[in-house]
Amino acid sequence: MQPGTKLPDFSLENQYGERVTSQDLSTGRSIIVFYPWAFSRVCGGELAELQQHLPEFRDADVRLVAISVDHKFALRTYAEQEGFGFELLADFWPHGQVAELFDAFDAERGVARRVTIHVHNGVITDRFASGISEPRKLDQYRQILSQRDIF
């Protein structure tokens, strides 16, 4: 999934059991954050930083969602415990199928890799990643947020 590629079709449940589809993320701008594990140190720190800067995403009119292979019930507990104000989507079953669509699945570990996708009007416009134990940098998100009128 490289820039210029149309967002593939998918449907996942968020932490509340509500369906979120690729169609929902195809209007306007969205950032999809794949991460390996709920409740882990690096993921928790990374998502907490995004939560802390959530007003920047809202000011830029960008919808933020995060996807892991955890179950929706675990994600609900995680979101409530951490106070996340954005949706956590469960790529639980079939296990990692959506992460695979985005070439963001680590089959050896059975988890999503740290991959971030920016979507504008249904087209992927940017993608960046980091190693499994390396958090992505806020400046990478800010660079995307500063972009206007991409297509």
N, C-alpha and C. Protein backbone atom coordinates (compact mmCIF):
# COMPACT_ATOMS: atom_id res chain seq x y z
N MET A 1 0.83 -1.19 0.00
CA MET A 1 0.00 0.00 0.00
C MET A 1 0.87 1.24 0.00
N GLN A 2 1.13 1.75 -1.14
CA GLN A 2 1.98 2.92 -1.29
C GLN A 2 1.12 4.14 -1.60
N PRO A 3 1.67 5.34 -1.42
CA PRO A 3 0.93 6.56 -1.77
C PRO A 3 0.42 6.50 -3.20
N GLY A 4 -0.82 6.97 -3.37
CA GLY A 4 -1.48 6.93 -4.66
C GLY A 4 -2.42 5.75 -4.81
N THR A 5 -2.35 4.79 -3.87
CA THR A 5 -3.20 3.60 -3.89
C THR A 5 -4.55 3.91 -3.26
N LYS A 6 -5.61 3.38 -3.86
CA LYS A 6 -6.95 3.52 -3.29
C LYS A 6 -7.03 2.72 -1.99
N LEU A 7 -7.70 3.28 -1.00
CA LEU A 7 -7.90 2.58 0.27
C LEU A 7 -8.67 1.28 0.02
N PRO A 8 -8.14 0.13 0.46
CA PRO A 8 -8.85 -1.14 0.22
C PRO A 8 -10.11 -1.24 1.09
N ASP A 9 -11.03 -2.07 0.66
CA ASP A 9 -12.27 -2.28 1.41
C ASP A 9 -12.00 -3.11 2.66
N PHE A 10 -12.52 -2.65 3.79
CA PHE A 10 -12.46 -3.43 5.03
C PHE A 10 -13.53 -2.93 5.98
N SER A 11 -13.79 -3.74 6.98
CA SER A 11 -14.77 -3.42 8.01
C SER A 11 -14.29 -4.04 9.32
N LEU A 12 -14.17 -3.20 10.35
CA LEU A 12 -13.74 -3.67 11.67
C LEU A 12 -14.66 -3.07 12.73
N GLU A 13 -14.67 -3.70 13.91
CA GLU A 13 -15.41 -3.15 15.03
C GLU A 13 -14.48 -2.30 15.89
N ASN A 14 -15.04 -1.20 16.40
CA ASN A 14 -14.26 -0.39 17.34
C ASN A 14 -14.46 -0.93 18.75
N GLN A 15 -13.90 -0.23 19.72
CA GLN A 15 -13.95 -0.70 21.10
C GLN A 15 -15.37 -0.76 21.67
N TYR A 16 -16.33 -0.15 20.99
CA TYR A 16 -17.73 -0.18 21.44
C TYR A 16 -18.58 -1.17 20.64
N GLY A 17 -17.94 -1.91 19.74
CA GLY A 17 -18.67 -2.87 18.91
C GLY A 17 -19.32 -2.24 17.69
N GLU A 18 -19.02 -0.98 17.41
CA GLU A 18 -19.58 -0.29 16.24
C GLU A 18 -18.71 -0.57 15.02
N ARG A 19 -19.35 -0.78 13.89
CA ARG A 19 -18.63 -1.06 12.64
C ARG A 19 -18.00 0.23 12.10
N VAL A 20 -16.75 0.14 11.72
CA VAL A 20 -16.05 1.22 11.04
C VAL A 20 -15.52 0.60 9.75
N THR A 21 -15.86 1.22 8.63
CA THR A 21 -15.47 0.68 7.33
C THR A 21 -14.48 1.60 6.63
N SER A 22 -13.86 1.07 5.61
CA SER A 22 -12.97 1.88 4.79
C SER A 22 -13.75 3.04 4.17
N GLN A 23 -15.01 2.82 3.88
CA GLN A 23 -15.85 3.89 3.34
C GLN A 23 -15.97 5.04 4.33
N ASP A 24 -16.08 4.70 5.62
CA ASP A 24 -16.16 5.73 6.67
C ASP A 24 -14.89 6.58 6.72
N LEU A 25 -13.77 5.98 6.38
CA LEU A 25 -12.47 6.66 6.46
C LEU A 25 -12.06 7.28 5.13
N SER A 26 -12.95 7.21 4.13
CA SER A 26 -12.62 7.68 2.79
C SER A 26 -13.11 9.08 2.48
N THR A 27 -13.85 9.68 3.38
CA THR A 27 -14.32 11.04 3.18
C THR A 27 -13.44 11.97 3.99
N GLY A 28 -12.85 12.94 3.33
CA GLY A 28 -11.95 13.84 4.04
C GLY A 28 -10.62 13.16 4.32
N ARG A 29 -10.05 13.47 5.49
CA ARG A 29 -8.72 12.96 5.84
C ARG A 29 -8.80 12.07 7.07
N SER A 30 -8.04 10.98 7.02
CA SER A 30 -7.95 10.04 8.13
C SER A 30 -6.50 9.61 8.29
N ILE A 31 -6.12 9.31 9.52
CA ILE A 31 -4.84 8.68 9.80
C ILE A 31 -5.13 7.36 10.50
N ILE A 32 -4.58 6.29 9.92
CA ILE A 32 -4.74 4.94 10.45
C ILE A 32 -3.40 4.54 11.07
N VAL A 33 -3.43 4.22 12.35
CA VAL A 33 -2.22 3.89 13.09
C VAL A 33 -2.28 2.40 13.47
N PHE A 34 -1.48 1.59 12.83
CA PHE A 34 -1.36 0.19 13.21
C PHE A 34 -0.35 0.09 14.34
N TYR A 35 -0.67 -0.70 15.36
CA TYR A 35 0.24 -0.90 16.49
C TYR A 35 0.14 -2.34 16.96
N PRO A 36 1.23 -2.88 17.56
CA PRO A 36 1.25 -4.31 17.89
C PRO A 36 0.32 -4.75 19.02
N TRP A 37 0.40 -4.13 20.19
CA TRP A 37 -0.28 -4.68 21.35
C TRP A 37 -0.89 -3.59 22.24
N ALA A 38 -2.13 -3.80 22.63
CA ALA A 38 -2.72 -2.98 23.69
C ALA A 38 -1.99 -3.31 24.99
N PHE A 39 -1.91 -2.36 25.86
CA PHE A 39 -1.33 -2.52 27.20
C PHE A 39 0.19 -2.69 27.22
N SER A 40 0.85 -2.55 26.08
CA SER A 40 2.31 -2.67 26.08
C SER A 40 2.94 -1.29 26.30
N ARG A 41 4.16 -1.28 26.77
CA ARG A 41 4.83 -0.03 27.15
C ARG A 41 4.99 0.92 25.96
N VAL A 42 5.57 0.44 24.87
CA VAL A 42 5.84 1.32 23.73
C VAL A 42 4.53 1.77 23.08
N CYS A 43 3.61 0.84 22.87
CA CYS A 43 2.32 1.20 22.26
C CYS A 43 1.57 2.18 23.15
N GLY A 44 1.56 1.92 24.43
CA GLY A 44 0.87 2.79 25.36
C GLY A 44 1.43 4.20 25.34
N GLY A 45 2.74 4.32 25.32
CA GLY A 45 3.37 5.64 25.27
C GLY A 45 3.07 6.35 23.96
N GLU A 46 3.11 5.60 22.88
CA GLU A 46 2.85 6.18 21.57
C GLU A 46 1.41 6.68 21.45
N LEU A 47 0.46 5.85 21.86
CA LEU A 47 -0.95 6.24 21.78
C LEU A 47 -1.27 7.35 22.77
N ALA A 48 -0.64 7.34 23.94
CA ALA A 48 -0.85 8.42 24.91
C ALA A 48 -0.37 9.76 24.34
N GLU A 49 0.74 9.74 23.60
CA GLU A 49 1.22 10.98 22.98
C GLU A 49 0.22 11.47 21.92
N LEU A 50 -0.35 10.56 21.15
CA LEU A 50 -1.36 10.96 20.18
C LEU A 50 -2.59 11.54 20.88
N GLN A 51 -2.98 10.91 21.99
CA GLN A 51 -4.12 11.43 22.76
C GLN A 51 -3.81 12.84 23.26
N GLN A 52 -2.62 13.05 23.76
CA GLN A 52 -2.23 14.35 24.28
C GLN A 52 -2.32 15.43 23.19
N HIS A 53 -2.06 15.05 21.95
CA HIS A 53 -2.06 16.00 20.84
C HIS A 53 -3.29 15.84 19.94
N LEU A 54 -4.32 15.16 20.44
CA LEU A 54 -5.54 14.94 19.66
C LEU A 54 -6.16 16.25 19.17
N PRO A 55 -6.12 17.35 19.93
CA PRO A 55 -6.65 18.60 19.39
C PRO A 55 -5.99 19.03 18.07
N GLU A 56 -4.73 18.71 17.87
CA GLU A 56 -4.05 19.05 16.61
C GLU A 56 -4.68 18.29 15.44
N PHE A 57 -5.06 17.04 15.67
CA PHE A 57 -5.71 16.25 14.63
C PHE A 57 -7.09 16.83 14.34
N ARG A 58 -7.82 17.15 15.37
CA ARG A 58 -9.16 17.70 15.20
C ARG A 58 -9.11 19.06 14.52
N ASP A 59 -8.14 19.90 14.90
CA ASP A 59 -8.00 21.22 14.26
C ASP A 59 -7.70 21.09 12.77
N ALA A 60 -6.99 20.05 12.39
CA ALA A 60 -6.67 19.80 10.98
C ALA A 60 -7.78 19.01 10.27
N ASP A 61 -8.87 18.72 11.00
CA ASP A 61 -10.01 17.96 10.48
C ASP A 61 -9.57 16.59 9.97
N VAL A 62 -8.76 15.90 10.79
CA VAL A 62 -8.25 14.57 10.47
C VAL A 62 -8.81 13.58 11.50
N ARG A 63 -9.42 12.52 11.00
CA ARG A 63 -9.94 11.46 11.87
C ARG A 63 -8.80 10.50 12.18
N LEU A 64 -8.61 10.22 13.46
CA LEU A 64 -7.56 9.34 13.91
C LEU A 64 -8.16 8.03 14.39
N VAL A 65 -7.68 6.91 13.86
CA VAL A 65 -8.07 5.58 14.34
C VAL A 65 -6.80 4.76 14.51
N ALA A 66 -6.83 3.83 15.46
CA ALA A 66 -5.69 2.95 15.71
C ALA A 66 -6.17 1.51 15.62
N ILE A 67 -5.37 0.67 14.99
CA ILE A 67 -5.76 -0.73 14.74
C ILE A 67 -4.72 -1.68 15.32
N SER A 68 -5.20 -2.66 16.08
CA SER A 68 -4.35 -3.76 16.55
C SER A 68 -5.13 -5.06 16.40
N VAL A 69 -4.46 -6.18 16.66
CA VAL A 69 -5.12 -7.48 16.54
C VAL A 69 -5.81 -7.89 17.84
N ASP A 70 -5.89 -6.98 18.79
CA ASP A 70 -6.56 -7.27 20.07
C ASP A 70 -8.07 -7.34 19.88
N HIS A 71 -8.76 -8.01 20.80
CA HIS A 71 -10.21 -8.13 20.77
C HIS A 71 -10.86 -6.81 21.19
N LYS A 72 -12.06 -6.55 20.66
CA LYS A 72 -12.75 -5.29 20.97
C LYS A 72 -12.98 -5.11 22.47
N PHE A 73 -13.19 -6.17 23.22
CA PHE A 73 -13.41 -6.03 24.66
C PHE A 73 -12.14 -5.59 25.37
N ALA A 74 -11.00 -6.12 24.94
CA ALA A 74 -9.72 -5.68 25.49
C ALA A 74 -9.47 -4.22 25.11
N LEU A 75 -9.81 -3.86 23.87
CA LEU A 75 -9.59 -2.48 23.43
C LEU A 75 -10.48 -1.49 24.17
N ARG A 76 -11.68 -1.92 24.53
CA ARG A 76 -12.56 -1.02 25.30
C ARG A 76 -11.95 -0.75 26.68
N THR A 77 -11.50 -1.79 27.33
CA THR A 77 -10.85 -1.63 28.63
C THR A 77 -9.62 -0.76 28.50
N TYR A 78 -8.83 -1.01 27.48
CA TYR A 78 -7.60 -0.24 27.23
C TYR A 78 -7.93 1.25 27.02
N ALA A 79 -8.91 1.53 26.15
CA ALA A 79 -9.29 2.93 25.87
C ALA A 79 -9.82 3.63 27.11
N GLU A 80 -10.63 2.93 27.89
CA GLU A 80 -11.16 3.54 29.12
C GLU A 80 -10.06 3.77 30.14
N GLN A 81 -9.19 2.80 30.31
CA GLN A 81 -8.10 2.90 31.28
C GLN A 81 -7.15 4.04 30.93
N GLU A 82 -6.86 4.20 29.65
CA GLU A 82 -5.89 5.20 29.20
C GLU A 82 -6.54 6.54 28.83
N GLY A 83 -7.87 6.58 28.74
CA GLY A 83 -8.56 7.82 28.40
C GLY A 83 -8.41 8.23 26.95
N PHE A 84 -8.34 7.25 26.03
CA PHE A 84 -8.20 7.57 24.61
C PHE A 84 -9.51 8.12 24.06
N GLY A 85 -9.42 9.23 23.36
CA GLY A 85 -10.58 9.87 22.76
C GLY A 85 -10.69 9.60 21.27
N PHE A 86 -10.03 8.59 20.79
CA PHE A 86 -10.12 8.19 19.38
C PHE A 86 -10.45 6.70 19.36
N GLU A 87 -10.87 6.23 18.19
CA GLU A 87 -11.32 4.85 18.08
C GLU A 87 -10.15 3.87 17.97
N LEU A 88 -10.31 2.76 18.67
CA LEU A 88 -9.40 1.63 18.56
C LEU A 88 -10.17 0.54 17.83
N LEU A 89 -9.63 0.08 16.70
CA LEU A 89 -10.31 -0.91 15.88
C LEU A 89 -9.67 -2.28 16.09
N ALA A 90 -10.52 -3.30 16.17
CA ALA A 90 -10.09 -4.67 16.46
C ALA A 90 -9.94 -5.47 15.17
N ASP A 91 -8.71 -5.78 14.81
CA ASP A 91 -8.39 -6.63 13.67
C ASP A 91 -8.18 -8.06 14.20
N PHE A 92 -9.13 -8.47 15.03
CA PHE A 92 -9.00 -9.71 15.80
C PHE A 92 -9.25 -10.96 14.97
N TRP A 93 -10.36 -10.95 14.20
CA TRP A 93 -10.69 -12.14 13.43
C TRP A 93 -11.36 -11.78 12.14
N PRO A 94 -10.96 -12.32 11.00
CA PRO A 94 -9.79 -13.14 10.86
C PRO A 94 -8.52 -12.39 11.29
N HIS A 95 -7.72 -13.07 12.05
CA HIS A 95 -6.59 -12.47 12.76
C HIS A 95 -5.65 -11.70 11.83
N GLY A 96 -5.59 -10.37 12.01
CA GLY A 96 -4.65 -9.54 11.26
C GLY A 96 -4.96 -9.35 9.79
N GLN A 97 -6.17 -9.68 9.37
CA GLN A 97 -6.50 -9.63 7.95
C GLN A 97 -6.38 -8.21 7.37
N VAL A 98 -6.83 -7.21 8.12
CA VAL A 98 -6.74 -5.83 7.62
C VAL A 98 -5.28 -5.36 7.63
N ALA A 99 -4.55 -5.69 8.67
CA ALA A 99 -3.12 -5.34 8.69
C ALA A 99 -2.41 -5.95 7.48
N GLU A 100 -2.77 -7.17 7.11
CA GLU A 100 -2.18 -7.80 5.93
C GLU A 100 -2.48 -7.00 4.67
N LEU A 101 -3.71 -6.48 4.55
CA LEU A 101 -4.07 -5.67 3.39
C LEU A 101 -3.13 -4.49 3.20
N PHE A 102 -2.65 -3.94 4.32
CA PHE A 102 -1.81 -2.75 4.31
C PHE A 102 -0.32 -3.09 4.41
N ASP A 103 0.02 -4.36 4.25
CA ASP A 103 1.40 -4.82 4.43
C ASP A 103 1.93 -4.35 5.78
N ALA A 104 1.09 -4.53 6.80
CA ALA A 104 1.44 -4.08 8.16
C ALA A 104 1.27 -5.21 9.16
N PHE A 105 1.40 -6.46 8.71
CA PHE A 105 1.23 -7.60 9.60
C PHE A 105 2.54 -8.35 9.73
N ASP A 106 2.94 -8.60 10.96
CA ASP A 106 4.14 -9.38 11.26
C ASP A 106 3.67 -10.81 11.52
N ALA A 107 3.73 -11.66 10.51
CA ALA A 107 3.21 -13.03 10.62
C ALA A 107 3.99 -13.85 11.64
N GLU A 108 5.26 -13.57 11.80
CA GLU A 108 6.08 -14.31 12.76
C GLU A 108 5.60 -14.07 14.19
N ARG A 109 5.28 -12.83 14.52
CA ARG A 109 4.82 -12.49 15.87
C ARG A 109 3.30 -12.52 15.99
N GLY A 110 2.60 -12.49 14.87
CA GLY A 110 1.14 -12.50 14.89
C GLY A 110 0.52 -11.18 15.31
N VAL A 111 1.20 -10.07 15.01
CA VAL A 111 0.72 -8.74 15.41
C VAL A 111 0.86 -7.75 14.25
N ALA A 112 0.20 -6.62 14.41
CA ALA A 112 0.38 -5.53 13.46
C ALA A 112 1.76 -4.91 13.69
N ARG A 113 2.38 -4.46 12.62
CA ARG A 113 3.63 -3.71 12.73
C ARG A 113 3.29 -2.24 12.94
N ARG A 114 4.26 -1.45 13.35
CA ARG A 114 4.07 0.00 13.55
C ARG A 114 4.08 0.70 12.20
N VAL A 115 2.91 0.82 11.62
CA VAL A 115 2.74 1.46 10.31
C VAL A 115 1.65 2.51 10.44
N THR A 116 1.89 3.67 9.87
CA THR A 116 0.91 4.75 9.86
C THR A 116 0.57 5.07 8.41
N ILE A 117 -0.73 5.21 8.14
CA ILE A 117 -1.25 5.48 6.80
C ILE A 117 -2.07 6.76 6.86
N HIS A 118 -1.82 7.67 5.93
CA HIS A 118 -2.66 8.87 5.79
C HIS A 118 -3.53 8.69 4.56
N VAL A 119 -4.83 8.92 4.74
CA VAL A 119 -5.81 8.76 3.67
C VAL A 119 -6.49 10.10 3.44
N HIS A 120 -6.58 10.48 2.17
CA HIS A 120 -7.31 11.69 1.82
C HIS A 120 -8.28 11.35 0.71
N ASN A 121 -9.57 11.50 1.01
CA ASN A 121 -10.64 11.19 0.05
C ASN A 121 -10.46 9.82 -0.60
N GLY A 122 -10.17 8.82 0.24
CA GLY A 122 -10.11 7.44 -0.22
C GLY A 122 -8.81 7.01 -0.86
N VAL A 123 -7.80 7.90 -0.88
CA VAL A 123 -6.52 7.57 -1.49
C VAL A 123 -5.42 7.69 -0.45
N ILE A 124 -4.55 6.70 -0.40
CA ILE A 124 -3.40 6.75 0.52
C ILE A 124 -2.43 7.80 0.00
N THR A 125 -2.10 8.76 0.86
CA THR A 125 -1.21 9.84 0.43
C THR A 125 0.15 9.80 1.12
N ASP A 126 0.24 9.07 2.22
CA ASP A 126 1.51 9.00 2.94
C ASP A 126 1.52 7.73 3.78
N ARG A 127 2.72 7.25 4.04
CA ARG A 127 2.91 6.04 4.84
C ARG A 127 4.27 6.15 5.51
N PHE A 128 4.32 5.83 6.81
CA PHE A 128 5.61 5.72 7.48
C PHE A 128 5.52 4.63 8.53
N ALA A 129 6.68 4.16 8.96
CA ALA A 129 6.72 3.03 9.88
C ALA A 129 7.94 3.15 10.79
N SER A 130 7.93 2.35 11.84
CA SER A 130 9.10 2.24 12.71
C SER A 130 9.21 0.79 13.16
N GLY A 131 10.34 0.46 13.77
CA GLY A 131 10.55 -0.90 14.26
C GLY A 131 9.61 -1.23 15.40
N ILE A 132 9.49 -2.49 15.71
CA ILE A 132 8.52 -2.95 16.71
C ILE A 132 8.75 -2.34 18.09
N SER A 133 9.98 -2.03 18.42
CA SER A 133 10.25 -1.45 19.75
C SER A 133 10.55 0.05 19.69
N GLU A 134 10.31 0.66 18.53
CA GLU A 134 10.57 2.09 18.35
C GLU A 134 9.27 2.85 18.11
N PRO A 135 8.94 3.80 18.98
CA PRO A 135 7.74 4.59 18.72
C PRO A 135 7.94 5.51 17.52
N ARG A 136 6.86 5.77 16.80
CA ARG A 136 6.93 6.74 15.72
C ARG A 136 7.03 8.13 16.33
N LYS A 137 7.56 9.06 15.59
CA LYS A 137 7.79 10.41 16.10
C LYS A 137 6.59 11.31 15.81
N LEU A 138 6.24 12.13 16.79
CA LEU A 138 5.12 13.05 16.64
C LEU A 138 5.33 13.98 15.45
N ASP A 139 6.57 14.36 15.17
CA ASP A 139 6.85 15.24 14.03
C ASP A 139 6.41 14.63 12.71
N GLN A 140 6.42 13.30 12.60
CA GLN A 140 5.95 12.65 11.38
C GLN A 140 4.45 12.89 11.21
N TYR A 141 3.71 12.83 12.30
CA TYR A 141 2.27 13.11 12.24
C TYR A 141 2.04 14.59 11.94
N ARG A 142 2.80 15.44 12.57
CA ARG A 142 2.64 16.88 12.36
C ARG A 142 2.91 17.26 10.91
N GLN A 143 3.84 16.59 10.28
CA GLN A 143 4.11 16.86 8.87
C GLN A 143 2.87 16.55 8.03
N ILE A 144 2.23 15.44 8.33
CA ILE A 144 0.99 15.08 7.61
C ILE A 144 -0.11 16.10 7.93
N LEU A 145 -0.25 16.47 9.20
CA LEU A 145 -1.30 17.40 9.58
C LEU A 145 -1.14 18.76 8.90
N SER A 146 0.09 19.14 8.61
CA SER A 146 0.33 20.44 7.99
C SER A 146 0.00 20.46 6.50
N GLN A 147 -0.15 19.28 5.90
CA GLN A 147 -0.47 19.21 4.47
C GLN A 147 -1.91 19.62 4.23
N ARG A 148 -2.11 20.40 3.25
CA ARG A 148 -3.48 20.81 2.84
C ARG A 148 -3.67 20.48 1.36
N ASP A 149 -4.89 20.33 0.95
CA ASP A 149 -5.21 20.15 -0.48
C ASP A 149 -4.22 19.21 -1.19
N ILE A 150 -4.20 17.97 -0.75
CA ILE A 150 -3.25 17.00 -1.29
C ILE A 150 -3.61 16.61 -2.71
N PHE A 151 -4.87 16.31 -2.96
CA PHE A 151 -5.32 15.96 -4.32
C PHE A 151 -6.42 16.90 -4.73
